[in-house]
Amino acid sequence: MKKVIMGGAVAVLLKASCWASMPLGSDLDITIDQLRESVRKGEMTEQDLRLEIEGLARKHRALADAVFNREDPAASWPDYERCRSALWVLSKMGDRQSLPLFEEISLSAHMFIRVYAIMGYVETAGAVGTLPFIDRMTEDKRYTKSDRMIAYRMLQSLVYAGQPQPEEGGGIDTRRPPPVLSPAERKKVHSFMLGKVQTEEDVSAVVLLDKILTNQLADYKTSVQRLAMAERFPEGNYWKAAKEEIEKIPANERKDFRTKGELLDPERKEE
C-alpha cells in the first residue's frame, strides 16, 4: 500500500465543500467519493490523485471535442461539464506539474473548455510564470483574441491581489486567494505589460492593459509609451482623451520607460 503525505493540496481536496457540485460522471468507475476515500486510507498519493484527475480531464475533453458544434452546443454539454470539473479540481490543487495539461487542453475545440484550461494555467503558474504562456499564445495562431483576453483578465486578478480594486473591477475571480506579488515580481509583470501594450493587436486587450498600467505604474499615464498607444489607435473617445491629457505635459517632461534603468531599458538587469 502506498503511503500518502497529506500535503496542503490534498487537505484542501478532502474538504467536502471543494467537491460539492463536481460530478465527474456516473459512467466512471472511479467516483469522487472513492477518490476521496482512497486518499484517506493512504491508498493514493498526491501524485496519483493528480494523474487520475488529469486523465479524466483528457478523456472528457476528447469526448466533448468530438461532438462540439457551435450551432448545437448542448450535445457536448455532459462531457464539457465533466472536463470543467476536473480542471476545477486541478486548479484547486495548484500543482505546477499540471501546467502542460492545462496548456494542452487550452487548445480544445470546445470554446468553454478552453476558458477553464487557460484560467487553470494562469492560476497555477502565478503571475510571473504566466508571462511565457501569454507569449506562446500570441505566437500560436490557434489561439484567438478571446483566449488572450481570458489570460490577461486572470493576470489582472493576480496583479491586484492585496491591493485596492479599480472601479472597473480587478479581473476574474480565482479559485484560491492569489499571493501578493513581491516588488521584483511586480516589476517583471509591469515590464511585460509595457511591452505587450505596444504590440497586442486586439484593441480591447490593449485598453485593459492600459488601465492596469495607468492604475499601478507611476508616470505611465502621461508617458511617451502611452502617447504612442493613443496615436496607434486614433479612433475612439478613450484614446482621444488620453492623447489630449498627455499633450498637456511638455514633451521633455513625459516619462520614457526606455531610458536608462527604467522598465523598458534593454540593458536593465532583472532583479
Protein backbone atom coordinates (compact mmCIF):
# COMPACT_ATOMS: atom_id res chain seq x y z
CA MET A 1 0.00 0.00 0.00
CA LYS A 2 1.30 3.45 -0.89
CA LYS A 3 1.76 5.91 1.91
CA VAL A 4 0.25 9.30 1.20
CA ILE A 5 1.71 12.52 2.54
CA MET A 6 -1.17 14.78 3.46
CA GLY A 7 0.07 17.91 1.74
CA GLY A 8 -1.82 21.18 1.52
CA ALA A 9 -3.38 20.34 -1.84
CA VAL A 10 -4.80 17.03 -0.65
CA ALA A 11 -6.01 18.59 2.57
CA VAL A 12 -7.96 21.13 0.53
CA LEU A 13 -9.41 18.44 -1.70
CA LEU A 14 -10.67 16.42 1.27
CA LYS A 15 -12.93 19.25 2.37
CA ALA A 16 -16.45 18.42 1.29
CA SER A 17 -17.06 21.94 0.02
CA CYS A 18 -14.30 21.54 -2.55
CA TRP A 19 -16.08 18.58 -4.10
CA ALA A 20 -19.59 19.99 -3.93
CA SER A 21 -21.40 20.04 -7.27
CA MET A 22 -18.43 18.44 -9.01
CA PRO A 23 -19.87 15.23 -10.55
CA LEU A 24 -17.29 13.59 -12.78
CA GLY A 25 -19.85 11.26 -14.33
CA SER A 26 -21.84 8.27 -13.10
CA ASP A 27 -20.41 6.28 -16.02
CA LEU A 28 -16.93 6.42 -14.46
CA ASP A 29 -15.74 3.54 -12.32
CA ILE A 30 -13.91 5.96 -10.02
CA THR A 31 -16.30 8.31 -8.26
CA ILE A 32 -15.46 11.38 -6.22
CA ASP A 33 -16.22 9.54 -3.00
CA GLN A 34 -13.96 6.65 -3.96
CA LEU A 35 -11.11 9.01 -4.80
CA ARG A 36 -11.55 10.84 -1.53
CA GLU A 37 -11.68 7.57 0.43
CA SER A 38 -8.55 6.27 -1.31
CA VAL A 39 -6.64 9.33 -0.19
CA ARG A 40 -7.92 8.98 3.37
CA LYS A 41 -6.82 5.34 3.54
CA GLY A 42 -3.38 6.11 2.18
CA GLU A 43 -4.00 4.05 -0.97
CA MET A 44 -3.38 7.00 -3.25
CA THR A 45 -0.61 9.57 -3.19
CA GLU A 46 -0.99 13.22 -4.12
CA GLN A 47 0.65 12.47 -7.48
CA ASP A 48 -1.70 9.51 -8.06
CA LEU A 49 -4.67 11.75 -7.41
CA ARG A 50 -3.41 14.42 -9.79
CA LEU A 51 -2.73 11.93 -12.57
CA GLU A 52 -6.16 10.34 -12.11
CA ILE A 53 -7.92 13.68 -12.44
CA GLU A 54 -5.72 14.73 -15.37
CA GLY A 55 -6.79 11.52 -17.10
CA LEU A 56 -10.44 12.42 -16.58
CA ALA A 57 -9.84 15.90 -17.98
CA ARG A 58 -8.17 14.50 -21.11
CA LYS A 59 -10.86 11.86 -21.61
CA HIS A 60 -13.79 14.24 -21.40
CA ARG A 61 -12.06 16.95 -23.41
CA ALA A 62 -11.67 14.44 -26.25
CA LEU A 63 -15.31 13.35 -26.00
CA ALA A 64 -16.57 16.94 -25.86
CA ASP A 65 -14.39 17.97 -28.80
CA ALA A 66 -15.70 15.07 -30.89
CA VAL A 67 -19.29 16.30 -30.77
CA PHE A 68 -18.89 20.03 -30.21
CA ASN A 69 -20.86 22.16 -32.63
CA ARG A 70 -21.33 25.89 -32.15
CA GLU A 71 -24.80 25.55 -33.67
CA ASP A 72 -25.83 22.92 -31.10
CA PRO A 73 -23.53 23.09 -28.04
CA ALA A 74 -25.94 21.02 -25.91
CA ALA A 75 -24.67 17.79 -27.47
CA SER A 76 -21.24 18.25 -25.85
CA TRP A 77 -22.52 19.57 -22.54
CA PRO A 78 -22.20 16.42 -20.35
CA ASP A 79 -18.54 15.90 -21.24
CA TYR A 80 -17.83 19.62 -21.10
CA GLU A 81 -19.17 19.66 -17.51
CA ARG A 82 -17.00 16.68 -16.57
CA CYS A 83 -13.88 18.18 -18.13
CA ARG A 84 -14.56 21.52 -16.48
CA SER A 85 -14.99 19.78 -13.13
CA ALA A 86 -11.66 18.00 -13.47
CA LEU A 87 -9.91 21.25 -14.45
CA TRP A 88 -11.55 22.98 -11.49
CA VAL A 89 -10.16 20.38 -9.07
CA LEU A 90 -6.68 20.59 -10.62
CA SER A 91 -6.79 24.36 -10.21
CA LYS A 92 -7.63 23.91 -6.53
CA MET A 93 -4.67 21.56 -6.14
CA GLY A 94 -2.29 24.14 -7.60
CA ASP A 95 0.34 21.60 -8.70
CA ARG A 96 2.64 23.09 -11.34
CA GLN A 97 3.07 19.63 -12.85
CA SER A 98 -0.42 20.10 -14.29
CA LEU A 99 0.69 23.11 -16.38
CA PRO A 100 1.37 21.01 -19.53
CA LEU A 101 -2.12 19.52 -19.19
CA PHE A 102 -3.75 22.94 -18.88
CA GLU A 103 -1.85 24.21 -21.93
CA GLU A 104 -2.74 21.10 -23.93
CA ILE A 105 -6.44 21.42 -23.16
CA SER A 106 -6.43 25.18 -23.75
CA LEU A 107 -6.47 24.27 -27.46
CA SER A 108 -9.69 22.30 -27.15
CA ALA A 109 -12.23 22.70 -29.94
CA HIS A 110 -14.76 23.50 -27.21
CA MET A 111 -14.60 27.23 -26.51
CA PHE A 112 -15.73 26.93 -22.88
CA ILE A 113 -13.23 24.17 -22.08
CA ARG A 114 -10.51 26.48 -23.44
CA VAL A 115 -11.57 29.16 -20.96
CA TYR A 116 -11.27 26.87 -17.93
CA ALA A 117 -7.94 25.47 -19.11
CA ILE A 118 -6.46 28.95 -19.57
CA MET A 119 -7.79 30.06 -16.20
CA GLY A 120 -6.31 26.94 -14.59
CA TYR A 121 -2.92 27.58 -16.16
CA VAL A 122 -2.69 31.19 -15.03
CA GLU A 123 -3.87 30.48 -11.51
CA THR A 124 -1.45 27.56 -11.12
CA ALA A 125 1.57 29.22 -12.76
CA GLY A 126 1.17 32.54 -10.97
CA ALA A 127 1.67 35.99 -12.47
CA VAL A 128 5.33 35.72 -13.47
CA GLY A 129 5.01 32.08 -14.53
CA THR A 130 2.15 33.01 -16.85
CA LEU A 131 4.12 35.51 -18.93
CA PRO A 132 5.84 32.95 -21.22
CA PHE A 133 2.46 31.24 -21.75
CA ILE A 134 0.91 34.50 -22.95
CA ASP A 135 3.87 34.96 -25.31
CA ARG A 136 3.23 31.47 -26.72
CA MET A 137 -0.47 32.29 -27.10
CA THR A 138 0.47 35.41 -29.06
CA GLU A 139 2.73 33.47 -31.45
CA ASP A 140 0.42 30.47 -31.90
CA LYS A 141 -2.36 31.43 -34.31
CA ARG A 142 -4.58 28.63 -32.98
CA TYR A 143 -5.30 30.91 -30.03
CA THR A 144 -7.87 33.65 -30.51
CA LYS A 145 -8.00 37.19 -29.16
CA SER A 146 -10.72 35.94 -26.78
CA ASP A 147 -8.28 33.33 -25.42
CA ARG A 148 -5.65 36.01 -24.80
CA MET A 149 -8.23 38.23 -23.14
CA ILE A 150 -9.04 35.49 -20.62
CA ALA A 151 -5.33 35.19 -19.81
CA TYR A 152 -4.98 38.98 -19.42
CA ARG A 153 -8.06 39.15 -17.17
CA MET A 154 -6.69 36.37 -14.97
CA LEU A 155 -3.31 38.11 -14.86
CA GLN A 156 -5.16 41.26 -13.81
CA SER A 157 -6.60 39.35 -10.84
CA LEU A 158 -3.12 38.29 -9.73
CA VAL A 159 -1.65 41.77 -10.15
CA TYR A 160 -4.33 43.34 -7.94
CA ALA A 161 -4.01 40.75 -5.16
CA GLY A 162 -3.75 42.52 -1.83
CA GLN A 163 -4.36 45.94 -3.41
CA PRO A 164 -7.40 48.21 -3.75
CA GLN A 165 -9.55 47.14 -6.67
CA PRO A 166 -10.11 49.62 -9.52
CA GLU A 167 -13.60 50.83 -10.36
CA GLU A 168 -13.83 48.60 -13.42
CA GLY A 169 -13.02 45.51 -11.35
CA GLY A 170 -9.88 43.52 -10.70
CA GLY A 171 -10.20 40.67 -13.19
CA ILE A 172 -11.67 37.19 -12.96
CA ASP A 173 -12.21 35.61 -9.54
CA THR A 174 -9.65 32.91 -8.78
CA ARG A 175 -10.35 29.58 -7.07
CA ARG A 176 -7.71 30.21 -4.42
CA PRO A 177 -6.67 33.54 -2.89
CA PRO A 178 -3.74 34.65 -5.09
CA PRO A 179 -0.45 35.54 -3.38
CA VAL A 180 0.58 39.17 -3.19
CA LEU A 181 3.36 39.90 -5.68
CA SER A 182 6.78 40.89 -4.39
CA PRO A 183 8.24 44.19 -5.67
CA ALA A 184 10.55 42.26 -8.03
CA GLU A 185 7.67 40.17 -9.39
CA ARG A 186 5.53 43.25 -9.87
CA LYS A 187 8.32 44.92 -11.88
CA LYS A 188 8.56 41.87 -14.15
CA VAL A 189 4.81 41.91 -14.78
CA HIS A 190 4.73 45.66 -15.39
CA SER A 191 7.68 45.39 -17.80
CA PHE A 192 5.87 42.59 -19.66
CA MET A 193 2.66 44.61 -19.87
CA LEU A 194 4.53 47.66 -21.15
CA GLY A 195 5.88 45.53 -23.96
CA LYS A 196 2.56 43.84 -24.73
CA VAL A 197 0.54 47.04 -24.77
CA GLN A 198 2.69 48.20 -27.70
CA THR A 199 2.35 45.02 -29.77
CA GLU A 200 -1.04 43.49 -28.88
CA GLU A 201 -3.42 43.76 -31.85
CA ASP A 202 -6.73 43.41 -30.01
CA VAL A 203 -8.00 46.88 -29.02
CA SER A 204 -9.96 45.57 -26.00
CA ALA A 205 -6.85 43.86 -24.63
CA VAL A 206 -4.77 47.00 -25.16
CA VAL A 207 -7.32 49.08 -23.25
CA LEU A 208 -7.32 46.54 -20.40
CA LEU A 209 -3.52 46.56 -20.16
CA ASP A 210 -3.50 50.36 -20.40
CA LYS A 211 -5.94 50.64 -17.48
CA ILE A 212 -3.84 48.31 -15.33
CA LEU A 213 -0.65 50.24 -16.07
CA THR A 214 -2.34 53.60 -15.52
CA ASN A 215 -3.61 52.38 -12.15
CA GLN A 216 -0.38 50.77 -10.99
CA LEU A 217 2.60 52.42 -12.62
CA ALA A 218 3.66 55.92 -11.64
CA ASP A 219 4.05 58.34 -14.55
CA TYR A 220 2.70 55.89 -17.13
CA LYS A 221 -0.47 57.94 -17.58
CA THR A 222 1.44 60.76 -19.31
CA SER A 223 4.32 58.72 -20.71
CA VAL A 224 5.90 58.58 -24.14
CA GLN A 225 4.72 54.98 -24.45
CA ARG A 226 1.08 55.83 -23.71
CA LEU A 227 1.13 58.65 -26.25
CA ALA A 228 2.31 56.12 -28.83
CA MET A 229 -0.70 53.96 -27.92
CA ALA A 230 -3.07 56.87 -28.37
CA GLU A 231 -1.56 57.61 -31.79
CA ARG A 232 -1.72 53.95 -32.74
CA PHE A 233 -5.49 53.90 -32.14
CA PRO A 234 -6.70 57.33 -33.31
CA GLU A 235 -10.37 56.31 -33.28
CA GLY A 236 -12.50 56.25 -30.14
CA ASN A 237 -13.06 58.61 -27.24
CA TYR A 238 -10.87 56.60 -24.85
CA TRP A 239 -7.66 57.21 -26.79
CA LYS A 240 -8.60 60.72 -27.87
CA ALA A 241 -9.00 61.70 -24.20
CA ALA A 242 -5.69 60.02 -23.33
CA LYS A 243 -3.87 61.87 -26.12
CA GLU A 244 -5.29 65.24 -25.06
CA GLU A 245 -4.22 64.65 -21.46
CA ILE A 246 -0.69 63.62 -22.40
CA GLU A 247 -0.19 66.54 -24.77
CA LYS A 248 -0.82 68.97 -21.91
CA ILE A 249 2.53 67.81 -20.50
CA PRO A 250 5.63 69.30 -22.15
CA ALA A 251 7.42 66.70 -24.28
CA ASN A 252 10.60 66.90 -22.20
CA GLU A 253 8.64 66.10 -19.03
CA ARG A 254 6.93 62.95 -20.30
CA LYS A 255 8.17 59.71 -18.80
CA ASP A 256 10.06 57.43 -21.20
CA PHE A 257 10.38 53.90 -19.90
CA ARG A 258 13.17 53.18 -22.38
CA THR A 259 15.66 55.43 -20.59
CA LYS A 260 18.49 54.00 -18.51
CA GLY A 261 17.34 51.95 -15.54
CA GLU A 262 13.66 52.06 -16.50
CA LEU A 263 11.46 49.03 -17.20
CA LEU A 264 11.99 49.03 -20.97
CA ASP A 265 15.71 49.80 -20.83
CA PRO A 266 17.23 46.95 -22.95
CA GLU A 267 20.31 46.93 -20.72
CA ARG A 268 18.36 46.77 -17.45
CA LYS A 269 19.14 43.66 -15.43
CA GLU A 270 16.33 41.68 -13.83
CA GLU A 271 16.30 41.83 -10.05
